C-alpha atoms as a PDB file:
ATOM      1  CA  MET A   1     -47.725  -2.585 -54.235  1.00  0.00           C
ATOM      2  CA  SER A   2     -44.664  -0.061 -54.604  1.00  0.00           C
ATOM      3  CA  LYS A   3     -41.787  -0.055 -52.507  1.00  0.00           C
ATOM      4  CA  ILE A   4     -42.794   2.206 -49.336  1.00  0.00           C
ATOM      5  CA  ASN A   5     -39.905   4.125 -48.547  1.00  0.00           C
ATOM      6  CA  VAL A   6     -40.345   5.879 -44.546  1.00  0.00           C
ATOM      7  CA  SER A   7     -37.409   7.796 -43.427  1.00  0.00           C
ATOM      8  CA  PRO A   8     -36.710  10.627 -40.752  1.00  0.00           C
ATOM      9  CA  LEU A   9     -35.070  13.582 -42.154  1.00  0.00           C
ATOM     10  CA  TYR A  10     -32.920  14.531 -39.204  1.00  0.00           C
ATOM     11  CA  GLU A  11     -31.931  18.124 -39.347  1.00  0.00           C
ATOM     12  CA  GLY A  12     -29.904  18.210 -36.190  1.00  0.00           C
ATOM     13  CA  THR A  13     -29.581  18.294 -32.350  1.00  0.00           C
ATOM     14  CA  PHE A  14     -30.142  21.401 -30.639  1.00  0.00           C
ATOM     15  CA  SER A  15     -29.548  23.544 -27.311  1.00  0.00           C
ATOM     16  CA  VAL A  16     -32.315  25.352 -27.316  1.00  0.00           C
ATOM     17  CA  GLY A  17     -32.376  28.503 -24.535  1.00  0.00           C
ATOM     18  CA  VAL A  18     -34.925  30.986 -23.323  1.00  0.00           C
ATOM     19  CA  ASP A  19     -34.162  33.050 -26.392  1.00  0.00           C
ATOM     20  CA  HIS A  20     -35.636  30.199 -28.753  1.00  0.00           C
ATOM     21  CA  ASP A  21     -32.456  30.278 -30.992  1.00  0.00           C
ATOM     22  CA  PHE A  22     -31.552  26.754 -31.846  1.00  0.00           C
ATOM     23  CA  ASN A  23     -27.706  26.403 -31.390  1.00  0.00           C
ATOM     24  CA  ARG A  24     -26.317  22.929 -33.224  1.00  0.00           C
ATOM     25  CA  ILE A  25     -24.426  20.687 -30.947  1.00  0.00           C
ATOM     26  CA  GLY A  26     -23.653  16.944 -31.118  1.00  0.00           C
ATOM     27  CA  ARG A  27     -25.490  13.939 -30.695  1.00  0.00           C
ATOM     28  CA  GLU A  28     -23.600  13.088 -27.629  1.00  0.00           C
ATOM     29  CA  ASP A  29     -23.313  16.627 -26.530  1.00  0.00           C
ATOM     30  CA  ALA A  30     -25.159  18.236 -23.360  1.00  0.00           C
ATOM     31  CA  PRO A  31     -27.185  21.441 -23.950  1.00  0.00           C
ATOM     32  CA  LYS A  32     -25.943  24.642 -22.390  1.00  0.00           C
ATOM     33  CA  LYS A  33     -26.895  25.176 -18.610  1.00  0.00           C
ATOM     34  CA  GLY A  34     -30.508  26.167 -18.375  1.00  0.00           C
ATOM     35  CA  ALA A  35     -31.248  25.275 -22.173  1.00  0.00           C
ATOM     36  CA  LEU A  36     -33.136  22.157 -23.529  1.00  0.00           C
ATOM     37  CA  LYS A  37     -31.542  19.501 -25.899  1.00  0.00           C
ATOM     38  CA  LEU A  38     -33.915  18.848 -28.657  1.00  0.00           C
ATOM     39  CA  SER A  39     -33.430  16.991 -32.097  1.00  0.00           C
ATOM     40  CA  ILE A  40     -35.389  17.791 -35.249  1.00  0.00           C
ATOM     41  CA  ASN A  41     -36.713  14.894 -37.782  1.00  0.00           C
ATOM     42  CA  PRO A  42     -39.455  15.372 -40.056  1.00  0.00           C
ATOM     43  CA  PHE A  43     -40.538  12.027 -41.532  1.00  0.00           C
ATOM     44  CA  LEU A  44     -40.645  11.378 -45.392  1.00  0.00           C
ATOM     45  CA  ILE A  45     -43.242   8.674 -46.781  1.00  0.00           C
ATOM     46  CA  ALA A  46     -42.750   7.946 -50.383  1.00  0.00           C
ATOM     47  CA  ASP A  47     -44.724   5.339 -51.467  1.00  0.00           C
ATOM     48  CA  GLY A  48     -44.816   5.447 -55.146  1.00  0.00           C
ATOM     49  CA  HIS A  49     -47.959   7.470 -55.320  1.00  0.00           C
ATOM     50  CA  ARG A  50     -47.441  10.292 -52.932  1.00  0.00           C
ATOM     51  CA  ASN A  51     -44.366  11.918 -51.404  1.00  0.00           C
ATOM     52  CA  ILE A  52     -45.784  13.042 -48.010  1.00  0.00           C
ATOM     53  CA  LEU A  53     -44.056  14.868 -44.843  1.00  0.00           C
ATOM     54  CA  PHE A  54     -45.243  14.231 -41.599  1.00  0.00           C
ATOM     55  CA  ASP A  55     -44.261  17.670 -40.089  1.00  0.00           C
ATOM     56  CA  ALA A  56     -42.104  20.239 -42.036  1.00  0.00           C
ATOM     57  CA  GLY A  57     -38.783  20.810 -39.755  1.00  0.00           C
ATOM     58  CA  LEU A  58     -37.252  24.034 -38.769  1.00  0.00           C
ATOM     59  CA  GLY A  59     -36.651  25.988 -41.871  1.00  0.00           C
ATOM     60  CA  ASP A  60     -34.336  29.202 -41.089  1.00  0.00           C
ATOM     61  CA  LEU A  61     -36.710  30.475 -38.326  1.00  0.00           C
ATOM     62  CA  PHE A  62     -34.288  29.587 -35.329  1.00  0.00           C
ATOM     63  CA  GLY A  63     -31.178  31.635 -35.755  1.00  0.00           C
ATOM     64  CA  GLY A  64     -27.704  31.289 -37.639  1.00  0.00           C
ATOM     65  CA  ASP A  65     -27.460  27.347 -36.962  1.00  0.00           C
ATOM     66  CA  THR A  66     -30.655  26.918 -38.862  1.00  0.00           C
ATOM     67  CA  SER A  67     -31.426  26.707 -42.680  1.00  0.00           C
ATOM     68  CA  ILE A  68     -33.588  25.351 -45.301  1.00  0.00           C
ATOM     69  CA  SER A  69     -30.775  23.646 -47.287  1.00  0.00           C
ATOM     70  CA  THR A  70     -30.952  20.830 -44.559  1.00  0.00           C
ATOM     71  CA  ILE A  71     -34.421  19.414 -45.396  1.00  0.00           C
ATOM     72  CA  GLN A  72     -33.535  20.102 -49.109  1.00  0.00           C
ATOM     73  CA  GLU A  73     -30.319  17.911 -49.008  1.00  0.00           C
ATOM     74  CA  ASN A  74     -32.005  15.278 -46.828  1.00  0.00           C
ATOM     75  CA  LEU A  75     -34.632  14.746 -49.313  1.00  0.00           C
ATOM     76  CA  ALA A  76     -32.142  15.078 -52.405  1.00  0.00           C
ATOM     77  CA  GLU A  77     -30.278  12.038 -50.498  1.00  0.00           C
ATOM     78  CA  HIS A  78     -33.734  10.052 -51.461  1.00  0.00           C
ATOM     79  CA  SER A  79     -33.843  11.452 -55.001  1.00  0.00           C
ATOM     80  CA  ILE A  80     -36.620  13.538 -54.168  1.00  0.00           C
ATOM     81  CA  SER A  81     -36.961  17.409 -54.901  1.00  0.00           C
ATOM     82  CA  ASP A  82     -38.955  20.042 -52.988  1.00  0.00           C
ATOM     83  CA  TYR A  83     -41.176  20.507 -55.993  1.00  0.00           C
ATOM     84  CA  GLU A  84     -41.812  16.755 -55.625  1.00  0.00           C
ATOM     85  CA  ILE A  85     -43.700  16.756 -52.341  1.00  0.00           C
ATOM     86  CA  THR A  86     -47.124  16.373 -52.666  1.00  0.00           C
ATOM     87  CA  ASP A  87     -48.486  16.317 -48.853  1.00  0.00           C
ATOM     88  CA  ILE A  88     -47.540  17.640 -45.781  1.00  0.00           C
ATOM     89  CA  PHE A  89     -49.641  16.811 -42.481  1.00  0.00           C
ATOM     90  CA  ILE A  90     -48.791  18.716 -39.270  1.00  0.00           C
ATOM     91  CA  SER A  91     -49.148  17.540 -35.863  1.00  0.00           C
ATOM     92  CA  HIS A  92     -49.437  20.924 -34.608  1.00  0.00           C
ATOM     93  CA  LEU A  93     -48.871  24.631 -35.113  1.00  0.00           C
ATOM     94  CA  HIS A  94     -45.407  25.111 -32.818  1.00  0.00           C
ATOM     95  CA  PHE A  95     -42.994  26.849 -35.209  1.00  0.00           C
ATOM     96  CA  ASP A  96     -40.645  24.069 -34.824  1.00  0.00           C
ATOM     97  CA  HIS A  97     -42.883  21.739 -36.465  1.00  0.00           C
ATOM     98  CA  ILE A  98     -43.808  24.131 -39.282  1.00  0.00           C
ATOM     99  CA  GLY A  99     -40.959  26.375 -40.114  1.00  0.00           C
ATOM    100  CA  GLY A 100     -39.902  24.315 -43.139  1.00  0.00           C
ATOM    101  CA  LEU A 101     -42.958  25.286 -44.846  1.00  0.00           C
ATOM    102  CA  ALA A 102     -41.307  28.551 -46.180  1.00  0.00           C
ATOM    103  CA  ASN A 103     -37.801  29.999 -46.334  1.00  0.00           C
ATOM    104  CA  ARG A 104     -36.049  33.370 -46.853  1.00  0.00           C
ATOM    105  CA  GLU A 105     -32.923  31.694 -48.555  1.00  0.00           C
ATOM    106  CA  ASN A 106     -33.276  34.427 -51.371  1.00  0.00           C
ATOM    107  CA  GLY A 107     -33.929  37.338 -49.156  1.00  0.00           C
ATOM    108  CA  TYR A 108     -37.581  36.870 -49.319  1.00  0.00           C
ATOM    109  CA  TRP A 109     -40.365  34.452 -48.274  1.00  0.00           C
ATOM    110  CA  GLU A 110     -40.424  31.756 -50.703  1.00  0.00           C
ATOM    111  CA  LEU A 111     -42.589  28.519 -50.284  1.00  0.00           C
ATOM    112  CA  THR A 112     -40.292  25.562 -49.729  1.00  0.00           C
ATOM    113  CA  PHE A 113     -42.558  22.958 -51.165  1.00  0.00           C
ATOM    114  CA  PRO A 114     -44.644  24.872 -53.710  1.00  0.00           C
ATOM    115  CA  ASP A 115     -46.763  21.972 -55.083  1.00  0.00           C
ATOM    116  CA  ALA A 116     -47.690  20.654 -51.647  1.00  0.00           C
ATOM    117  CA  LYS A 117     -50.863  20.506 -50.141  1.00  0.00           C
ATOM    118  CA  VAL A 118     -50.501  21.321 -46.457  1.00  0.00           C
ATOM    119  CA  TRP A 119     -52.783  19.648 -43.789  1.00  0.00           C
ATOM    120  CA  VAL A 120     -53.558  21.141 -40.556  1.00  0.00           C
ATOM    121  CA  SER A 121     -55.967  21.198 -37.865  1.00  0.00           C
ATOM    122  CA  GLY A 122     -58.517  23.570 -38.999  1.00  0.00           C
ATOM    123  CA  ASN A 123     -59.362  24.711 -35.388  1.00  0.00           C
ATOM    124  CA  GLU A 124     -55.657  25.027 -34.574  1.00  0.00           C
ATOM    125  CA  TRP A 125     -55.169  27.320 -37.551  1.00  0.00           C
ATOM    126  CA  LYS A 126     -58.295  29.489 -36.747  1.00  0.00           C
ATOM    127  CA  LYS A 127     -56.593  29.689 -33.243  1.00  0.00           C
ATOM    128  CA  LEU A 128     -53.257  30.687 -34.066  1.00  0.00           C
ATOM    129  CA  HIS A 129     -54.980  33.300 -36.750  1.00  0.00           C
ATOM    130  CA  ALA A 130     -56.567  34.730 -33.855  1.00  0.00           C
ATOM    131  CA  GLU A 131     -53.399  35.106 -31.712  1.00  0.00           C
ATOM    132  CA  ALA A 132     -50.941  35.863 -34.772  1.00  0.00           C
ATOM    133  CA  ASP A 133     -50.730  39.500 -34.246  1.00  0.00           C
ATOM    134  CA  LYS A 134     -49.116  38.766 -30.630  1.00  0.00           C
ATOM    135  CA  LEU A 135     -46.341  36.426 -32.226  1.00  0.00           C
ATOM    136  CA  GLU A 136     -42.699  38.071 -32.498  1.00  0.00           C
ATOM    137  CA  GLU A 137     -42.111  39.608 -35.725  1.00  0.00           C
ATOM    138  CA  ASN A 138     -40.433  36.771 -37.588  1.00  0.00           C
ATOM    139  CA  HIS A 139     -43.144  34.378 -36.949  1.00  0.00           C
ATOM    140  CA  ARG A 140     -45.745  36.628 -37.516  1.00  0.00           C
ATOM    141  CA  ASP A 141     -44.374  37.818 -40.883  1.00  0.00           C
ATOM    142  CA  PHE A 142     -43.990  33.897 -41.474  1.00  0.00           C
ATOM    143  CA  PHE A 143     -47.453  33.005 -40.456  1.00  0.00           C
ATOM    144  CA  HIS A 144     -49.202  35.616 -42.697  1.00  0.00           C
ATOM    145  CA  PHE A 145     -47.092  34.620 -45.514  1.00  0.00           C
ATOM    146  CA  ILE A 146     -48.141  30.585 -45.033  1.00  0.00           C
ATOM    147  CA  ASP A 147     -51.707  31.894 -44.592  1.00  0.00           C
ATOM    148  CA  SER A 148     -51.896  33.775 -48.117  1.00  0.00           C
ATOM    149  CA  LYS A 149     -49.457  31.652 -50.358  1.00  0.00           C
ATOM    150  CA  THR A 150     -49.810  28.056 -48.918  1.00  0.00           C
ATOM    151  CA  ASP A 151     -52.196  25.387 -50.374  1.00  0.00           C
ATOM    152  CA  LEU A 152     -54.069  24.600 -47.012  1.00  0.00           C
ATOM    153  CA  GLU A 153     -56.365  21.960 -46.222  1.00  0.00           C
ATOM    154  CA  PHE A 154     -58.169  22.168 -42.942  1.00  0.00           C
ATOM    155  CA  LEU A 155     -58.814  18.579 -41.184  1.00  0.00           C
ATOM    156  CA  ASN A 156     -61.369  17.790 -38.789  1.00  0.00           C
ATOM    157  CA  ASP A 157     -61.013  15.991 -35.455  1.00  0.00           C
ATOM    158  CA  LYS A 158     -61.078  12.698 -37.139  1.00  0.00           C
ATOM    159  CA  HIS A 159     -60.447  12.856 -40.734  1.00  0.00           C
ATOM    160  CA  THR A 160     -59.142  10.383 -43.359  1.00  0.00           C
ATOM    161  CA  PRO A 161     -58.255  12.686 -46.220  1.00  0.00           C
ATOM    162  CA  LEU A 162     -56.126  10.430 -48.081  1.00  0.00           C
ATOM    163  CA  PRO A 163     -56.405   6.832 -48.832  1.00  0.00           C
ATOM    164  CA  ASN A 164     -53.765   5.859 -46.643  1.00  0.00           C
ATOM    165  CA  VAL A 165     -53.340   8.793 -44.311  1.00  0.00           C
ATOM    166  CA  ARG A 166     -55.797   9.752 -41.363  1.00  0.00           C
ATOM    167  CA  VAL A 167     -55.846  11.847 -38.404  1.00  0.00           C
ATOM    168  CA  GLU A 168     -57.161  11.862 -35.085  1.00  0.00           C
ATOM    169  CA  LYS A 169     -57.441  14.927 -32.351  1.00  0.00           C
ATOM    170  CA  ILE A 170     -55.657  13.978 -29.191  1.00  0.00           C
ATOM    171  CA  GLY A 171     -54.980  17.351 -27.585  1.00  0.00           C
ATOM    172  CA  GLY A 172     -52.593  17.659 -24.692  1.00  0.00           C
ATOM    173  CA  HIS A 173     -49.568  19.316 -25.908  1.00  0.00           C
ATOM    174  CA  THR A 174     -51.447  21.803 -27.843  1.00  0.00           C
ATOM    175  CA  GLU A 175     -55.411  22.058 -27.547  1.00  0.00           C
ATOM    176  CA  PHE A 176     -56.053  20.530 -30.914  1.00  0.00           C
ATOM    177  CA  HIS A 177     -52.854  18.494 -31.356  1.00  0.00           C
ATOM    178  CA  LEU A 178     -53.202  15.594 -34.070  1.00  0.00           C
ATOM    179  CA  ALA A 179     -51.979  11.883 -34.157  1.00  0.00           C
ATOM    180  CA  LEU A 180     -50.948  11.229 -37.410  1.00  0.00           C
ATOM    181  CA  PHE A 181     -51.303   7.710 -39.281  1.00  0.00           C
ATOM    182  CA  TYR A 182     -49.810   6.137 -42.317  1.00  0.00           C
ATOM    183  CA  GLU A 183     -51.618   2.680 -43.015  1.00  0.00           C
ATOM    184  CA  ASN A 184     -50.607   0.766 -46.073  1.00  0.00           C
ATOM    185  CA  GLY A 185     -50.990  -3.146 -45.748  1.00  0.00           C
ATOM    186  CA  ASP A 186     -48.581  -4.176 -43.328  1.00  0.00           C
ATOM    187  CA  HIS A 187     -46.801  -0.782 -43.180  1.00  0.00           C
ATOM    188  CA  ARG A 188     -48.146   1.191 -40.358  1.00  0.00           C
ATOM    189  CA  TYR A 189     -46.909   4.107 -38.597  1.00  0.00           C
ATOM    190  CA  LEU A 190     -48.024   6.349 -36.134  1.00  0.00           C
ATOM    191  CA  MET A 191     -46.707  10.256 -35.546  1.00  0.00           C
ATOM    192  CA  ALA A 192     -47.898  11.926 -32.182  1.00  0.00           C
ATOM    193  CA  GLY A 193     -45.920  15.230 -32.371  1.00  0.00           C
ATOM    194  CA  ASP A 194     -44.888  16.132 -28.813  1.00  0.00           C
ATOM    195  CA  VAL A 195     -47.037  13.931 -27.140  1.00  0.00           C
ATOM    196  CA  ILE A 196     -44.586  10.883 -28.174  1.00  0.00           C
ATOM    197  CA  GLY A 197     -41.540  13.130 -29.268  1.00  0.00           C
ATOM    198  CA  ARG A 198     -39.069  10.867 -27.625  1.00  0.00           C
ATOM    199  CA  ARG A 199     -38.103   7.476 -26.886  1.00  0.00           C
ATOM    200  CA  ILE A 200     -38.334   8.494 -23.187  1.00  0.00           C
ATOM    201  CA  ALA A 201     -41.943   9.170 -23.238  1.00  0.00           C
ATOM    202  CA  ILE A 202     -42.518   5.738 -23.709  1.00  0.00           C
ATOM    203  CA  ASN A 203     -41.321   4.024 -20.312  1.00  0.00           C
ATOM    204  CA  GLN A 204     -41.970   7.059 -18.378  1.00  0.00           C
ATOM    205  CA  ASN A 205     -45.467   8.369 -16.764  1.00  0.00           C
ATOM    206  CA  PHE A 206     -45.155  12.071 -16.700  1.00  0.00           C
ATOM    207  CA  MET A 207     -47.101  15.655 -16.455  1.00  0.00           C
ATOM    208  CA  ALA A 208     -44.977  18.263 -18.440  1.00  0.00           C
ATOM    209  CA  LYS A 209     -45.878  21.639 -17.546  1.00  0.00           C
ATOM    210  CA  TYR A 210     -45.047  22.897 -20.951  1.00  0.00           C
ATOM    211  CA  ASP A 211     -48.221  21.038 -22.327  1.00  0.00           C
ATOM    212  CA  PHE A 212     -51.686  23.007 -22.816  1.00  0.00           C
ATOM    213  CA  ASP A 213     -53.174  19.827 -20.771  1.00  0.00           C
ATOM    214  CA  PRO A 214     -50.728  17.833 -19.127  1.00  0.00           C
ATOM    215  CA  LYS A 215     -53.256  15.271 -17.950  1.00  0.00           C
ATOM    216  CA  GLN A 216     -54.632  14.837 -21.594  1.00  0.00           C
ATOM    217  CA  SER A 217     -51.113  14.577 -22.851  1.00  0.00           C
ATOM    218  CA  MET A 218     -50.319  11.815 -20.590  1.00  0.00           C
ATOM    219  CA  LYS A 219     -53.908  10.033 -21.049  1.00  0.00           C
ATOM    220  CA  ALA A 220     -53.327  10.385 -24.968  1.00  0.00           C
ATOM    221  CA  ARG A 221     -49.855   8.887 -24.531  1.00  0.00           C
ATOM    222  CA  THR A 222     -51.069   5.966 -22.758  1.00  0.00           C
ATOM    223  CA  GLU A 223     -53.539   5.001 -25.439  1.00  0.00           C
ATOM    224  CA  LEU A 224     -51.335   5.676 -28.194  1.00  0.00           C
ATOM    225  CA  LYS A 225     -48.626   3.178 -26.442  1.00  0.00           C
ATOM    226  CA  SER A 226     -51.008   0.695 -26.145  1.00  0.00           C
ATOM    227  CA  LEU A 227     -52.455   1.168 -29.618  1.00  0.00           C
ATOM    228  CA  ALA A 228     -48.747   0.919 -31.223  1.00  0.00           C
ATOM    229  CA  TYR A 229     -48.237  -2.288 -29.221  1.00  0.00           C
ATOM    230  CA  GLU A 230     -51.433  -4.128 -30.000  1.00  0.00           C
ATOM    231  CA  LYS A 231     -51.505  -3.013 -33.674  1.00  0.00           C
ATOM    232  CA  GLY A 232     -47.808  -3.205 -34.625  1.00  0.00           C
ATOM    233  CA  TYR A 233     -47.396   0.324 -35.600  1.00  0.00           C
ATOM    234  CA  THR A 234     -43.898   2.023 -36.061  1.00  0.00           C
ATOM    235  CA  ILE A 235     -43.703   5.039 -33.656  1.00  0.00           C
ATOM    236  CA  MET A 236     -42.129   8.062 -35.423  1.00  0.00           C
ATOM    237  CA  ALA A 237     -40.587  10.411 -32.553  1.00  0.00           C
ATOM    238  CA  TYR A 238     -40.174  13.962 -34.138  1.00  0.00           C
ATOM    239  CA  HIS A 239     -37.519  14.771 -31.292  1.00  0.00           C
ATOM    240  CA  GLU A 240     -35.419  11.542 -31.079  1.00  0.00           C
ATOM    241  CA  THR A 241     -31.655  11.896 -31.503  1.00  0.00           C
ATOM    242  CA  ASP A 242     -30.555   8.428 -32.160  1.00  0.00           C
ATOM    243  CA  TYR A 243     -33.649   6.271 -33.279  1.00  0.00           C
ATOM    244  CA  PRO A 244     -36.542   8.211 -33.983  1.00  0.00           C
ATOM    245  CA  LEU A 245     -38.378   5.008 -35.537  1.00  0.00           C
ATOM    246  CA  PHE A 246     -39.042   2.450 -33.208  1.00  0.00           C
ATOM    247  CA  LYS A 247     -41.729  -0.211 -32.158  1.00  0.00           C
ATOM    248  CA  LEU A 248     -42.931  -1.781 -29.333  1.00  0.00           C
ATOM    249  CA  LYS A 249     -42.290  -5.552 -28.967  1.00  0.00           C
ATOM    250  CA  GLY A 250     -42.816  -6.535 -25.423  1.00  0.00           C
ATOM    251  CA  ASP A 251     -45.092  -5.020 -22.505  1.00  0.00           C
ATOM    252  CA  ASN A 252     -43.346  -6.101 -19.472  1.00  0.00           C
ATOM    253  CA  GLY A 253     -46.031  -4.532 -16.888  1.00  0.00           C
ATOM    254  CA  LYS A 254     -44.559  -1.954 -14.368  1.00  0.00           C
ATOM    255  CA  LYS A 255     -41.085  -2.374 -16.317  1.00  0.00           C
ATOM    256  CA  GLY A 256     -42.570  -0.714 -19.524  1.00  0.00           C
ATOM    257  CA  PHE A 257     -42.319  -1.672 -22.905  1.00  0.00           C
ATOM    258  CA  THR A 258     -39.280  -3.383 -24.835  1.00  0.00           C
ATOM    259  CA  ILE A 259     -38.514  -1.129 -27.539  1.00  0.00           C
ATOM    260  CA  GLU A 260     -37.170  -2.190 -30.953  1.00  0.00           C
ATOM    261  CA  ASN A 261     -35.059   0.242 -32.885  1.00  0.00           C
ATOM    262  CA  ILE A 262     -35.794   0.714 -36.835  1.00  0.00           C
ATOM    263  CA  LYS A 263     -32.666   1.584 -38.482  1.00  0.00           C
END
C-alpha cells in the first residue's frame, strides 16, 4: 500500500461579521465584538493514486484577507500542484466551503483545480441552482462560472463514487449536507462539514439556530460521534483552530469523550 498523507490545509483564523468579510486574526485572538471566530481547514488526502480534497477553502471570495494563493502554497508544501488535484468532495454548498474552486487572481474567473472532478450533492446543487439569482453578485457570478466550467459529478444520498471514498446524507446544517468518509485499510477518516465543524461539538449537546434543521444536526452529530468512537475514525474538523484532526479514545458517559489530537 502506498503511503497515505492526510493533512489539514490551514487557511487561517478569521473574525467574521455581519458583512461576511473574513478579517484575519491570530489563532489566540478574540473576534471583533458581535463577530464569529472561524478557522478554515480544507483537507488533503494523497494516497499515491489520487490527490483528494475534502472541501475547497475560501478562495478570494471573502474580502482582502482571503486569497487563492493560500491553498496553492499549502499544497506546494506537500509537493502537489493545483493541476495534480484529482477529486474534490464538497460537504455542503456554503461558499466558505467551495470558494476555492475558482479564483480571479488574474482579473477573471479561472478554475483553481482544472483537472479535478468536483463531487457535490445532486439535490443540493439543484436547490442552489434554483436560488442562484437571489445571491449577491459576487457569489452569483462565481456559481454560474462553476456551473458552466467545472467537471461536476452529482452524488446520491448514499454513494461510493471511488474505491476508498463514500458519502452519506446527514442533513442538519443544510438540507442535503453530506458526511464524507475516506476508508483505506486502517486509515479511516470522517469529515462532517459544519455538523462537526469544531472540537467543541464533541462534548456539548446543542441546537444551532443557524442550521437548516437544528434537531437533525444534533441527531446526526450524536450518531457520527458514536461511529467515530466505535470504529476508530479520525475526525476532520473544518473550522477547528488548533487541532483539526482528532480521535475519540474514551467514552466517559455524561462527561463526554476523551479527545486525542492528531498532529
